[in-house]
Amino acid sequence: MTISEVHGVTVLSYPVDGPLLAAGQDVLDLIGDAFGSNAEIVAIPADRLGEDFFTLRTRMAGEIVQKFVNYRLRLVVVGDISDYVARSDALRDFVFEANRGRQLWFVADAGELDRRLAA
């Protein structure tokens, strides 16, 4: 993981290589890392979230996002999720609404995150 300052915001970014986030404890470990590094945003590669996160009926996305909300941390999913969005109108709407807020963003890459934080 790397810690960086992006437009005055501390971002904790995880690499693409690594295990899928499959359980509640995995998310709590990320949150612990964020607190340990005083990060405001945790950036997770989309590839580390797996199919269940993007299948909204599994409720995994809601559970993960709720943990971040509870700990007052922002979550950014980084990567191409166009295949998932193309298969689900519900996910498309979820991503659209999330990106209108500040708690959860879906961005294509680190450059897009940089631009969003600069705005």
Protein backbone atom coordinates (compact mmCIF):
# COMPACT_ATOMS: atom_id res chain seq x y z
CA MET A 1 0.00 0.00 0.00
CA THR A 2 1.04 3.57 -0.55
CA ILE A 3 0.14 6.77 1.24
CA SER A 4 0.04 10.01 -0.71
CA GLU A 5 -1.16 13.55 -0.29
CA VAL A 6 -3.45 14.56 -3.17
CA HIS A 7 -4.66 18.16 -3.10
CA GLY A 8 -4.48 18.24 0.67
CA VAL A 9 -6.19 14.87 1.16
CA THR A 10 -4.35 11.84 2.51
CA VAL A 11 -5.05 8.83 0.28
CA LEU A 12 -4.20 5.25 1.16
CA SER A 13 -3.94 3.26 -2.09
CA TYR A 14 -3.74 -0.50 -2.42
CA PRO A 15 -2.02 -2.33 -5.28
CA VAL A 16 -3.91 -4.48 -7.78
CA ASP A 17 -1.95 -7.52 -6.63
CA GLY A 18 -3.37 -8.95 -3.45
CA PRO A 19 -6.25 -10.97 -2.12
CA LEU A 20 -9.88 -10.21 -2.84
CA LEU A 21 -11.80 -8.43 -0.12
CA ALA A 22 -14.08 -11.29 0.76
CA ALA A 23 -15.04 -10.85 4.40
CA GLY A 24 -15.90 -8.18 6.92
CA GLN A 25 -12.55 -8.61 8.63
CA ASP A 26 -10.76 -7.79 5.37
CA VAL A 27 -12.55 -4.43 5.29
CA LEU A 28 -11.84 -3.76 8.95
CA ASP A 29 -8.15 -4.41 8.27
CA LEU A 30 -8.23 -1.73 5.53
CA ILE A 31 -9.95 0.67 7.88
CA GLY A 32 -7.31 -0.03 10.53
CA ASP A 33 -4.59 0.71 7.97
CA ALA A 34 -6.35 3.97 7.09
CA PHE A 35 -6.51 5.07 10.71
CA GLY A 36 -2.88 4.08 11.22
CA SER A 37 -1.84 6.31 8.34
CA ASN A 38 -4.31 9.14 9.06
CA ALA A 39 -5.84 8.63 5.61
CA GLU A 40 -9.14 10.23 4.67
CA ILE A 41 -9.62 8.15 1.52
CA VAL A 42 -8.99 4.48 0.86
CA ALA A 43 -8.47 3.68 -2.83
CA ILE A 44 -9.10 0.04 -3.74
CA PRO A 45 -8.52 -1.46 -7.19
CA ALA A 46 -11.78 -2.77 -8.64
CA ASP A 47 -10.05 -6.09 -9.33
CA ARG A 48 -9.63 -6.62 -5.58
CA LEU A 49 -13.38 -6.42 -4.97
CA GLY A 50 -14.58 -9.34 -7.06
CA GLU A 51 -17.87 -10.18 -8.72
CA ASP A 52 -19.96 -10.16 -5.52
CA PHE A 53 -19.26 -6.50 -4.85
CA PHE A 54 -20.63 -5.54 -8.26
CA THR A 55 -23.68 -7.80 -7.98
CA LEU A 56 -25.81 -5.56 -5.81
CA ARG A 57 -28.25 -8.27 -4.74
CA THR A 58 -25.44 -9.89 -2.72
CA ARG A 59 -25.41 -6.72 -0.55
CA MET A 60 -21.63 -6.90 -0.28
CA ALA A 61 -21.18 -3.40 -1.71
CA GLY A 62 -23.64 -1.99 0.82
CA GLU A 63 -21.94 -3.74 3.73
CA ILE A 64 -18.49 -2.55 2.71
CA VAL A 65 -19.58 1.03 2.07
CA GLN A 66 -21.48 1.12 5.37
CA LYS A 67 -18.33 0.15 7.28
CA PHE A 68 -16.48 3.06 5.69
CA VAL A 69 -19.35 5.42 6.48
CA ASN A 70 -19.40 4.24 10.10
CA TYR A 71 -15.71 5.06 10.45
CA ARG A 72 -16.04 8.36 8.55
CA LEU A 73 -13.70 7.30 5.76
CA ARG A 74 -14.18 7.76 2.06
CA LEU A 75 -13.87 4.85 -0.35
CA VAL A 76 -12.71 5.08 -3.95
CA VAL A 77 -12.95 2.11 -6.31
CA VAL A 78 -10.27 2.48 -8.97
CA GLY A 79 -10.42 0.69 -12.29
CA ASP A 80 -12.53 -0.22 -15.27
CA ILE A 81 -15.92 -1.54 -14.18
CA SER A 82 -17.63 -1.00 -17.54
CA ASP A 83 -18.36 -4.73 -18.02
CA TYR A 84 -20.18 -4.88 -14.68
CA VAL A 85 -22.09 -1.66 -15.39
CA ALA A 86 -23.10 -2.87 -18.86
CA ARG A 87 -24.75 -5.94 -17.31
CA SER A 88 -26.72 -4.15 -14.60
CA ASP A 89 -28.94 -1.09 -14.73
CA ALA A 90 -29.05 -1.11 -10.93
CA LEU A 91 -25.27 -0.98 -10.71
CA ARG A 92 -25.12 1.77 -13.35
CA ASP A 93 -27.54 3.84 -11.25
CA PHE A 94 -25.62 3.05 -8.04
CA VAL A 95 -22.33 4.19 -9.59
CA PHE A 96 -23.93 7.34 -10.97
CA GLU A 97 -25.43 8.31 -7.61
CA ALA A 98 -22.26 7.41 -5.69
CA ASN A 99 -20.16 9.61 -7.95
CA ARG A 100 -22.46 12.55 -7.27
CA GLY A 101 -21.63 12.37 -3.57
CA ARG A 102 -18.42 12.41 -1.56
CA GLN A 103 -18.48 9.12 0.38
CA LEU A 104 -17.97 6.63 -2.46
CA TRP A 105 -16.49 7.24 -5.90
CA PHE A 106 -15.83 4.98 -8.84
CA VAL A 107 -12.93 6.27 -10.95
CA ALA A 108 -11.13 4.82 -13.95
CA ASP A 109 -7.62 5.54 -12.67
CA ALA A 110 -5.50 7.59 -10.29
CA GLY A 111 -5.58 10.53 -12.70
CA GLU A 112 -9.35 10.73 -12.45
CA LEU A 113 -9.12 10.63 -8.65
CA ASP A 114 -6.60 13.47 -8.79
CA ARG A 115 -8.93 15.55 -10.97
CA ARG A 116 -11.90 14.92 -8.70
CA LEU A 117 -9.96 15.95 -5.62
CA ALA A 118 -8.71 19.06 -7.37
CA ALA A 119 -12.26 20.22 -8.12
